[in-house]
Amino acid sequence: MDVMLDLETLATSPDSVVLTFGAVKFDPFTDNIDKGMYVRLDVDEQIALGRKVDEGTLEWWGRQNEQVREEALGEGNRITIDDFTRQLNQFIVGANRIWAQGPVFDIVILENLYRQAGKPAPWPYYTIRDSRTLLKALGDDREAGANLHNALADCVSQAEAVQSAVKRYKLTEL
């Protein structure tokens, strides 16, 4: 199984505050999308550590659908960085590849968060895959605007798009 992951943040720099994290396990060569993980991280803890909040990103969140905005920015059910890293480490055990829709965003931010927490990233660098590049090259059959800005929903959508492209082109290796 592979893992697709996604973040929602309060900035776009490597040291951004992470609002929510989603991930799904999936097989890119079949239609199987398995177990999901979704967490909301403690914002105050991250700000106390010096992680960044960008005014432009806050303004962007202000223009999003109210339900999406509340899910990302609401205060309830948030977990510590330590709990998050422990859960993610357990979730990705045995993953063949780690996918993100632009690893230079999601992966870089996560690796920075791990580094700041004094922990090693839980994946070898050579397992990272970029769904954005794959889908740009092979075609993305999702409807425009389907991105919901919910980390878990985005993961499912991205994993399905990878599966569709792999199936369409009969890929046997990634």
N, C-alpha and C. Protein backbone atom coordinates (compact mmCIF):
# COMPACT_ATOMS: atom_id res chain seq x y z
N MET A 1 0.84 -1.18 0.00
CA MET A 1 0.00 0.00 0.00
C MET A 1 0.89 1.25 0.00
N ASP A 2 0.36 2.30 -0.61
CA ASP A 2 0.99 3.62 -0.62
C ASP A 2 0.19 4.51 0.32
N VAL A 3 0.74 5.68 0.61
CA VAL A 3 0.05 6.67 1.44
C VAL A 3 0.00 7.98 0.67
N MET A 4 -1.19 8.56 0.58
CA MET A 4 -1.38 9.91 0.05
C MET A 4 -1.62 10.80 1.26
N LEU A 5 -0.90 11.93 1.34
CA LEU A 5 -1.12 12.83 2.47
C LEU A 5 -1.36 14.25 1.99
N ASP A 6 -1.97 15.03 2.87
CA ASP A 6 -2.31 16.42 2.56
C ASP A 6 -2.38 17.23 3.84
N LEU A 7 -2.01 18.49 3.73
CA LEU A 7 -2.05 19.43 4.86
C LEU A 7 -2.91 20.63 4.52
N GLU A 8 -3.47 21.21 5.54
CA GLU A 8 -4.04 22.56 5.45
C GLU A 8 -3.26 23.38 6.46
N THR A 9 -2.81 24.57 6.06
CA THR A 9 -1.89 25.35 6.88
C THR A 9 -2.32 26.82 7.00
N LEU A 10 -1.56 27.57 7.79
CA LEU A 10 -1.79 29.00 7.95
C LEU A 10 -0.72 29.85 7.27
N ALA A 11 0.13 29.22 6.47
CA ALA A 11 1.14 29.93 5.68
C ALA A 11 1.62 28.95 4.62
N THR A 12 2.59 29.38 3.81
CA THR A 12 3.10 28.50 2.76
C THR A 12 4.59 28.22 2.91
N SER A 13 5.20 28.69 3.96
CA SER A 13 6.63 28.46 4.19
C SER A 13 6.86 27.11 4.88
N PRO A 14 8.08 26.60 4.87
CA PRO A 14 8.36 25.31 5.51
C PRO A 14 8.01 25.27 7.00
N ASP A 15 8.00 26.43 7.65
CA ASP A 15 7.68 26.48 9.08
C ASP A 15 6.25 26.98 9.34
N SER A 16 5.35 26.66 8.44
CA SER A 16 3.94 27.04 8.57
C SER A 16 3.27 26.30 9.72
N VAL A 17 2.31 26.97 10.33
CA VAL A 17 1.41 26.30 11.28
C VAL A 17 0.55 25.33 10.48
N VAL A 18 0.48 24.08 10.94
CA VAL A 18 -0.36 23.06 10.31
C VAL A 18 -1.69 23.02 11.04
N LEU A 19 -2.76 23.26 10.29
CA LEU A 19 -4.11 23.21 10.87
C LEU A 19 -4.62 21.78 10.93
N THR A 20 -4.64 21.13 9.76
CA THR A 20 -5.18 19.78 9.68
C THR A 20 -4.27 18.92 8.81
N PHE A 21 -4.33 17.63 9.06
CA PHE A 21 -3.56 16.65 8.31
C PHE A 21 -4.49 15.50 7.95
N GLY A 22 -4.41 15.07 6.69
CA GLY A 22 -5.15 13.89 6.26
C GLY A 22 -4.24 12.95 5.50
N ALA A 23 -4.55 11.67 5.57
CA ALA A 23 -3.80 10.67 4.82
C ALA A 23 -4.71 9.48 4.57
N VAL A 24 -4.49 8.81 3.44
CA VAL A 24 -5.17 7.55 3.16
C VAL A 24 -4.15 6.55 2.65
N LYS A 25 -4.40 5.29 2.95
CA LYS A 25 -3.62 4.21 2.37
C LYS A 25 -4.35 3.79 1.10
N PHE A 26 -3.59 3.57 0.03
CA PHE A 26 -4.22 3.18 -1.23
C PHE A 26 -3.25 2.36 -2.06
N ASP A 27 -3.83 1.60 -2.98
CA ASP A 27 -3.04 0.84 -3.94
C ASP A 27 -3.19 1.55 -5.28
N PRO A 28 -2.11 2.12 -5.82
CA PRO A 28 -2.24 2.87 -7.08
C PRO A 28 -2.59 1.98 -8.27
N PHE A 29 -2.43 0.68 -8.14
CA PHE A 29 -2.65 -0.23 -9.26
C PHE A 29 -4.04 -0.89 -9.23
N THR A 30 -4.83 -0.57 -8.22
CA THR A 30 -6.20 -1.09 -8.12
C THR A 30 -7.11 0.07 -7.73
N ASP A 31 -8.35 -0.21 -7.43
CA ASP A 31 -9.28 0.82 -6.95
C ASP A 31 -9.34 0.87 -5.43
N ASN A 32 -8.44 0.17 -4.76
CA ASN A 32 -8.48 0.07 -3.30
C ASN A 32 -7.97 1.34 -2.63
N ILE A 33 -8.85 1.97 -1.88
CA ILE A 33 -8.46 3.06 -0.98
C ILE A 33 -8.91 2.60 0.40
N ASP A 34 -7.94 2.51 1.29
CA ASP A 34 -8.14 1.87 2.58
C ASP A 34 -8.28 2.91 3.67
N LYS A 35 -7.81 2.54 4.78
CA LYS A 35 -7.87 3.29 6.01
C LYS A 35 -7.42 4.75 5.84
N GLY A 36 -8.11 5.63 6.53
CA GLY A 36 -7.74 7.04 6.51
C GLY A 36 -7.32 7.53 7.88
N MET A 37 -6.58 8.62 7.89
CA MET A 37 -6.16 9.28 9.13
C MET A 37 -6.47 10.76 8.96
N TYR A 38 -7.08 11.35 9.97
CA TYR A 38 -7.37 12.78 9.92
C TYR A 38 -7.18 13.34 11.32
N VAL A 39 -6.38 14.39 11.44
CA VAL A 39 -6.17 15.03 12.73
C VAL A 39 -6.14 16.55 12.56
N ARG A 40 -6.47 17.20 13.64
CA ARG A 40 -6.39 18.66 13.73
C ARG A 40 -5.32 18.97 14.77
N LEU A 41 -4.30 19.73 14.36
CA LEU A 41 -3.16 19.98 15.25
C LEU A 41 -3.36 21.23 16.09
N ASP A 42 -2.74 21.22 17.26
CA ASP A 42 -2.81 22.34 18.20
C ASP A 42 -2.08 23.55 17.61
N VAL A 43 -2.82 24.59 17.32
CA VAL A 43 -2.26 25.80 16.70
C VAL A 43 -1.43 26.59 17.70
N ASP A 44 -1.92 26.74 18.92
CA ASP A 44 -1.21 27.52 19.94
C ASP A 44 0.16 26.94 20.23
N GLU A 45 0.26 25.61 20.31
CA GLU A 45 1.55 24.96 20.54
C GLU A 45 2.53 25.31 19.43
N GLN A 46 2.06 25.29 18.19
CA GLN A 46 2.93 25.58 17.06
C GLN A 46 3.37 27.05 17.04
N ILE A 47 2.45 27.94 17.34
CA ILE A 47 2.79 29.37 17.39
C ILE A 47 3.83 29.62 18.48
N ALA A 48 3.67 28.96 19.63
CA ALA A 48 4.64 29.10 20.73
C ALA A 48 6.03 28.62 20.31
N LEU A 49 6.09 27.68 19.36
CA LEU A 49 7.36 27.19 18.85
C LEU A 49 7.94 28.08 17.76
N GLY A 50 7.18 29.12 17.36
CA GLY A 50 7.66 30.05 16.33
C GLY A 50 7.24 29.69 14.92
N ARG A 51 6.30 28.75 14.77
CA ARG A 51 5.81 28.41 13.43
C ARG A 51 4.98 29.58 12.92
N LYS A 52 4.90 29.73 11.60
CA LYS A 52 4.41 30.95 10.97
C LYS A 52 2.92 30.93 10.61
N VAL A 53 2.35 32.13 10.72
CA VAL A 53 1.00 32.44 10.24
C VAL A 53 1.15 33.60 9.28
N ASP A 54 0.58 33.47 8.09
CA ASP A 54 0.71 34.49 7.05
C ASP A 54 -0.63 35.21 6.86
N GLU A 55 -0.61 36.53 6.85
CA GLU A 55 -1.84 37.32 6.69
C GLU A 55 -2.57 36.97 5.39
N GLY A 56 -1.83 36.81 4.30
CA GLY A 56 -2.45 36.47 3.03
C GLY A 56 -3.18 35.13 3.08
N THR A 57 -2.60 34.17 3.79
CA THR A 57 -3.24 32.86 3.93
C THR A 57 -4.49 32.98 4.80
N LEU A 58 -4.42 33.79 5.86
CA LEU A 58 -5.61 34.02 6.68
C LEU A 58 -6.73 34.66 5.86
N GLU A 59 -6.37 35.62 5.01
CA GLU A 59 -7.37 36.23 4.13
C GLU A 59 -7.96 35.20 3.17
N TRP A 60 -7.11 34.31 2.63
CA TRP A 60 -7.59 33.25 1.74
C TRP A 60 -8.58 32.35 2.47
N TRP A 61 -8.26 31.95 3.72
CA TRP A 61 -9.19 31.14 4.50
C TRP A 61 -10.52 31.88 4.70
N GLY A 62 -10.46 33.18 4.86
CA GLY A 62 -11.67 33.97 5.05
C GLY A 62 -12.60 33.95 3.85
N ARG A 63 -12.08 33.62 2.68
CA ARG A 63 -12.90 33.55 1.46
C ARG A 63 -13.43 32.14 1.18
N GLN A 64 -13.07 31.18 2.01
CA GLN A 64 -13.51 29.81 1.77
C GLN A 64 -14.92 29.59 2.32
N ASN A 65 -15.54 28.52 1.88
CA ASN A 65 -16.84 28.10 2.36
C ASN A 65 -16.82 28.04 3.89
N GLU A 66 -17.89 28.50 4.53
CA GLU A 66 -17.94 28.59 5.99
C GLU A 66 -17.70 27.24 6.67
N GLN A 67 -18.28 26.19 6.15
CA GLN A 67 -18.12 24.86 6.74
C GLN A 67 -16.66 24.39 6.64
N VAL A 68 -16.04 24.60 5.48
CA VAL A 68 -14.64 24.22 5.28
C VAL A 68 -13.75 25.05 6.20
N ARG A 69 -14.02 26.33 6.28
CA ARG A 69 -13.24 27.23 7.13
C ARG A 69 -13.34 26.83 8.60
N GLU A 70 -14.55 26.52 9.05
CA GLU A 70 -14.75 26.14 10.46
C GLU A 70 -14.04 24.83 10.77
N GLU A 71 -14.08 23.88 9.84
CA GLU A 71 -13.40 22.60 10.07
C GLU A 71 -11.88 22.83 10.20
N ALA A 72 -11.33 23.68 9.38
CA ALA A 72 -9.89 23.92 9.41
C ALA A 72 -9.47 24.78 10.61
N LEU A 73 -10.27 25.80 10.92
CA LEU A 73 -9.85 26.79 11.91
C LEU A 73 -10.50 26.63 13.28
N GLY A 74 -11.56 25.82 13.39
CA GLY A 74 -12.24 25.64 14.67
C GLY A 74 -11.30 25.13 15.74
N GLU A 75 -11.64 25.37 16.99
CA GLU A 75 -10.71 25.10 18.08
C GLU A 75 -10.78 23.69 18.65
N GLY A 76 -11.86 22.96 18.48
CA GLY A 76 -12.02 21.68 19.16
C GLY A 76 -11.21 20.54 18.57
N ASN A 77 -10.97 19.53 19.41
CA ASN A 77 -10.35 18.26 19.00
C ASN A 77 -8.98 18.43 18.35
N ARG A 78 -8.14 19.23 18.92
CA ARG A 78 -6.78 19.42 18.39
C ARG A 78 -5.81 18.60 19.22
N ILE A 79 -4.78 18.07 18.57
CA ILE A 79 -3.81 17.23 19.26
C ILE A 79 -2.42 17.87 19.22
N THR A 80 -1.56 17.42 20.11
CA THR A 80 -0.20 17.94 20.20
C THR A 80 0.64 17.42 19.04
N ILE A 81 1.76 18.08 18.81
CA ILE A 81 2.71 17.63 17.79
C ILE A 81 3.21 16.23 18.13
N ASP A 82 3.48 15.98 19.40
CA ASP A 82 3.98 14.67 19.81
C ASP A 82 2.95 13.57 19.50
N ASP A 83 1.69 13.81 19.82
CA ASP A 83 0.64 12.82 19.50
C ASP A 83 0.52 12.64 17.98
N PHE A 84 0.59 13.74 17.25
CA PHE A 84 0.49 13.68 15.80
C PHE A 84 1.61 12.84 15.19
N THR A 85 2.85 13.13 15.57
CA THR A 85 3.98 12.40 14.98
C THR A 85 3.91 10.92 15.34
N ARG A 86 3.48 10.60 16.53
CA ARG A 86 3.33 9.20 16.94
C ARG A 86 2.26 8.50 16.06
N GLN A 87 1.13 9.17 15.87
CA GLN A 87 0.05 8.58 15.05
C GLN A 87 0.48 8.42 13.59
N LEU A 88 1.14 9.43 13.04
CA LEU A 88 1.57 9.35 11.65
C LEU A 88 2.62 8.25 11.48
N ASN A 89 3.57 8.17 12.39
CA ASN A 89 4.59 7.12 12.32
C ASN A 89 3.93 5.74 12.27
N GLN A 90 2.93 5.52 13.11
CA GLN A 90 2.22 4.23 13.13
C GLN A 90 1.44 4.02 11.83
N PHE A 91 0.83 5.07 11.34
CA PHE A 91 -0.01 4.97 10.15
C PHE A 91 0.79 4.54 8.92
N ILE A 92 1.99 5.06 8.76
CA ILE A 92 2.72 4.81 7.51
C ILE A 92 3.62 3.57 7.54
N VAL A 93 3.60 2.84 8.65
CA VAL A 93 4.41 1.62 8.71
C VAL A 93 4.07 0.73 7.52
N GLY A 94 5.10 0.32 6.80
CA GLY A 94 4.93 -0.59 5.66
C GLY A 94 4.56 0.07 4.35
N ALA A 95 4.45 1.41 4.33
CA ALA A 95 4.09 2.09 3.08
C ALA A 95 5.20 1.95 2.06
N ASN A 96 4.81 1.66 0.82
CA ASN A 96 5.79 1.57 -0.27
C ASN A 96 6.24 2.93 -0.76
N ARG A 97 5.28 3.84 -0.90
CA ARG A 97 5.54 5.18 -1.41
C ARG A 97 4.69 6.17 -0.61
N ILE A 98 5.22 7.39 -0.46
CA ILE A 98 4.49 8.48 0.20
C ILE A 98 4.21 9.53 -0.87
N TRP A 99 2.93 9.79 -1.12
CA TRP A 99 2.50 10.72 -2.16
C TRP A 99 2.00 12.03 -1.54
N ALA A 100 2.20 13.10 -2.27
CA ALA A 100 1.61 14.40 -1.93
C ALA A 100 1.36 15.15 -3.22
N GLN A 101 0.39 16.03 -3.18
CA GLN A 101 0.07 16.87 -4.34
C GLN A 101 1.01 18.07 -4.28
N GLY A 102 2.27 17.80 -4.59
CA GLY A 102 3.31 18.81 -4.49
C GLY A 102 4.13 18.60 -3.23
N PRO A 103 5.06 17.65 -3.22
CA PRO A 103 5.86 17.37 -2.02
C PRO A 103 6.65 18.57 -1.51
N VAL A 104 6.97 19.52 -2.40
CA VAL A 104 7.72 20.68 -1.92
C VAL A 104 6.88 21.54 -0.99
N PHE A 105 5.61 21.25 -0.87
CA PHE A 105 4.78 21.91 0.13
C PHE A 105 4.57 20.96 1.32
N ASP A 106 3.76 19.94 1.13
CA ASP A 106 3.36 19.07 2.24
C ASP A 106 4.54 18.37 2.91
N ILE A 107 5.39 17.72 2.12
CA ILE A 107 6.50 16.96 2.69
C ILE A 107 7.50 17.90 3.37
N VAL A 108 7.81 19.02 2.74
CA VAL A 108 8.76 19.97 3.32
C VAL A 108 8.25 20.50 4.66
N ILE A 109 6.97 20.84 4.72
CA ILE A 109 6.39 21.34 5.98
C ILE A 109 6.41 20.26 7.04
N LEU A 110 6.03 19.03 6.67
CA LEU A 110 6.04 17.94 7.65
C LEU A 110 7.45 17.64 8.14
N GLU A 111 8.41 17.60 7.24
CA GLU A 111 9.79 17.33 7.65
C GLU A 111 10.32 18.44 8.56
N ASN A 112 9.93 19.68 8.30
CA ASN A 112 10.31 20.79 9.16
C ASN A 112 9.68 20.64 10.55
N LEU A 113 8.41 20.23 10.59
CA LEU A 113 7.72 20.02 11.87
C LEU A 113 8.40 18.90 12.66
N TYR A 114 8.71 17.80 12.00
CA TYR A 114 9.43 16.71 12.65
C TYR A 114 10.78 17.18 13.18
N ARG A 115 11.52 17.90 12.36
CA ARG A 115 12.83 18.40 12.78
C ARG A 115 12.70 19.29 14.01
N GLN A 116 11.70 20.17 13.99
CA GLN A 116 11.48 21.07 15.12
C GLN A 116 11.10 20.29 16.38
N ALA A 117 10.43 19.16 16.21
CA ALA A 117 10.05 18.30 17.34
C ALA A 117 11.21 17.39 17.77
N GLY A 118 12.35 17.47 17.05
CA GLY A 118 13.50 16.65 17.40
C GLY A 118 13.36 15.20 17.00
N LYS A 119 12.59 14.95 15.93
CA LYS A 119 12.34 13.58 15.47
C LYS A 119 12.70 13.45 14.00
N PRO A 120 13.15 12.27 13.60
CA PRO A 120 13.43 12.06 12.18
C PRO A 120 12.13 11.89 11.39
N ALA A 121 12.13 12.32 10.15
CA ALA A 121 10.98 12.08 9.27
C ALA A 121 10.77 10.57 9.15
N PRO A 122 9.55 10.11 9.11
CA PRO A 122 9.28 8.67 9.14
C PRO A 122 9.30 7.98 7.77
N TRP A 123 9.92 8.60 6.79
CA TRP A 123 9.99 7.98 5.47
C TRP A 123 11.37 8.22 4.87
N PRO A 124 11.87 7.27 4.11
CA PRO A 124 13.11 7.52 3.37
C PRO A 124 12.83 8.46 2.19
N TYR A 125 13.76 9.32 1.88
CA TYR A 125 13.57 10.33 0.83
C TYR A 125 13.17 9.71 -0.51
N TYR A 126 13.64 8.51 -0.80
CA TYR A 126 13.39 7.89 -2.11
C TYR A 126 11.98 7.31 -2.26
N THR A 127 11.17 7.36 -1.20
CA THR A 127 9.79 6.87 -1.32
C THR A 127 8.80 7.97 -1.69
N ILE A 128 9.27 9.22 -1.73
CA ILE A 128 8.37 10.35 -1.99
C ILE A 128 7.97 10.40 -3.46
N ARG A 129 6.66 10.58 -3.70
CA ARG A 129 6.12 10.70 -5.05
C ARG A 129 5.24 11.96 -5.12
N ASP A 130 5.16 12.53 -6.33
CA ASP A 130 4.43 13.77 -6.57
C ASP A 130 3.23 13.50 -7.47
N SER A 131 2.04 13.53 -6.89
CA SER A 131 0.84 13.29 -7.70
C SER A 131 0.57 14.44 -8.66
N ARG A 132 0.94 15.66 -8.32
CA ARG A 132 0.71 16.80 -9.21
C ARG A 132 1.45 16.61 -10.54
N THR A 133 2.72 16.21 -10.47
CA THR A 133 3.50 16.01 -11.69
C THR A 133 2.96 14.83 -12.49
N LEU A 134 2.65 13.73 -11.81
CA LEU A 134 2.08 12.57 -12.49
C LEU A 134 0.80 12.93 -13.23
N LEU A 135 -0.08 13.65 -12.55
CA LEU A 135 -1.38 13.99 -13.14
C LEU A 135 -1.25 15.05 -14.23
N LYS A 136 -0.28 15.93 -14.13
CA LYS A 136 -0.03 16.91 -15.19
C LYS A 136 0.44 16.19 -16.45
N ALA A 137 1.30 15.20 -16.27
CA ALA A 137 1.85 14.47 -17.41
C ALA A 137 0.84 13.51 -18.03
N LEU A 138 0.05 12.85 -17.19
CA LEU A 138 -0.85 11.79 -17.68
C LEU A 138 -2.31 12.23 -17.80
N GLY A 139 -2.62 13.38 -17.27
CA GLY A 139 -4.00 13.87 -17.32
C GLY A 139 -4.73 13.61 -16.02
N ASP A 140 -5.47 14.60 -15.61
CA ASP A 140 -6.24 14.55 -14.38
C ASP A 140 -7.71 14.61 -14.76
N ASP A 141 -8.43 13.52 -14.54
CA ASP A 141 -9.83 13.47 -14.98
C ASP A 141 -10.82 13.96 -13.92
N ARG A 142 -10.31 14.58 -12.85
CA ARG A 142 -11.22 15.14 -11.85
C ARG A 142 -11.85 16.42 -12.38
N GLU A 143 -13.01 16.74 -11.87
CA GLU A 143 -13.66 18.00 -12.24
C GLU A 143 -12.89 19.17 -11.66
N ALA A 144 -12.78 20.22 -12.42
CA ALA A 144 -12.13 21.44 -11.92
C ALA A 144 -12.90 21.95 -10.71
N GLY A 145 -12.17 22.39 -9.71
CA GLY A 145 -12.82 22.91 -8.51
C GLY A 145 -13.26 21.85 -7.53
N ALA A 146 -12.88 20.60 -7.77
CA ALA A 146 -13.29 19.52 -6.87
C ALA A 146 -12.53 19.56 -5.55
N ASN A 147 -11.46 20.32 -5.47
CA ASN A 147 -10.65 20.40 -4.27
C ASN A 147 -11.46 21.08 -3.16
N LEU A 148 -11.64 20.38 -2.05
CA LEU A 148 -12.50 20.87 -0.98
C LEU A 148 -11.75 21.59 0.14
N HIS A 149 -10.43 21.53 0.15
CA HIS A 149 -9.61 22.09 1.22
C HIS A 149 -9.93 21.44 2.56
N ASN A 150 -10.30 20.17 2.49
CA ASN A 150 -10.36 19.31 3.67
C ASN A 150 -9.28 18.28 3.44
N ALA A 151 -8.33 18.19 4.35
CA ALA A 151 -7.14 17.37 4.12
C ALA A 151 -7.47 15.92 3.79
N LEU A 152 -8.44 15.32 4.46
CA LEU A 152 -8.77 13.92 4.19
C LEU A 152 -9.51 13.78 2.86
N ALA A 153 -10.47 14.64 2.58
CA ALA A 153 -11.20 14.59 1.30
C ALA A 153 -10.25 14.81 0.13
N ASP A 154 -9.30 15.72 0.30
CA ASP A 154 -8.31 15.97 -0.75
C ASP A 154 -7.47 14.72 -1.00
N CYS A 155 -7.08 14.02 0.06
CA CYS A 155 -6.29 12.79 -0.09
C CYS A 155 -7.04 11.75 -0.90
N VAL A 156 -8.31 11.55 -0.58
CA VAL A 156 -9.11 10.57 -1.31
C VAL A 156 -9.19 10.96 -2.78
N SER A 157 -9.47 12.21 -3.06
CA SER A 157 -9.57 12.69 -4.43
C SER A 157 -8.25 12.50 -5.19
N GLN A 158 -7.15 12.83 -4.55
CA GLN A 158 -5.84 12.71 -5.18
C GLN A 158 -5.47 11.25 -5.41
N ALA A 159 -5.75 10.39 -4.45
CA ALA A 159 -5.47 8.96 -4.60
C ALA A 159 -6.30 8.38 -5.74
N GLU A 160 -7.57 8.75 -5.82
CA GLU A 160 -8.42 8.28 -6.92
C GLU A 160 -7.90 8.75 -8.27
N ALA A 161 -7.42 9.98 -8.33
CA ALA A 161 -6.88 10.51 -9.59
C ALA A 161 -5.62 9.76 -10.00
N VAL A 162 -4.75 9.44 -9.05
CA VAL A 162 -3.56 8.64 -9.36
C VAL A 162 -3.97 7.27 -9.87
N GLN A 163 -4.90 6.63 -9.18
CA GLN A 163 -5.37 5.31 -9.61
C GLN A 163 -5.94 5.36 -11.02
N SER A 164 -6.71 6.38 -11.32
CA SER A 164 -7.30 6.52 -12.64
C SER A 164 -6.23 6.68 -13.72
N ALA A 165 -5.23 7.51 -13.45
CA ALA A 165 -4.16 7.73 -14.43
C ALA A 165 -3.34 6.45 -14.63
N VAL A 166 -3.04 5.76 -13.55
CA VAL A 166 -2.27 4.51 -13.63
C VAL A 166 -3.05 3.47 -14.46
N LYS A 167 -4.33 3.38 -14.20
CA LYS A 167 -5.18 2.43 -14.92
C LYS A 167 -5.28 2.80 -16.41
N ARG A 168 -5.51 4.09 -16.67
CA ARG A 168 -5.67 4.57 -18.04
C ARG A 168 -4.44 4.27 -18.91
N TYR A 169 -3.25 4.41 -18.31
CA TYR A 169 -2.01 4.21 -19.04
C TYR A 169 -1.37 2.85 -18.79
N LYS A 170 -2.09 2.01 -18.03
CA LYS A 170 -1.63 0.65 -17.76
C LYS A 170 -0.20 0.62 -17.20
N LEU A 171 0.08 1.55 -16.28
CA LEU A 171 1.41 1.60 -15.66
C LEU A 171 1.60 0.40 -14.74
N THR A 172 2.80 -0.10 -14.70
CA THR A 172 3.11 -1.22 -13.82
C THR A 172 4.17 -0.86 -12.78
N GLU A 173 4.70 0.36 -12.88
CA GLU A 173 5.73 0.82 -11.96
C GLU A 173 5.58 2.32 -11.73
N LEU A 174 5.91 2.75 -10.52
CA LEU A 174 5.85 4.19 -10.19
C LEU A 174 7.10 4.62 -9.48
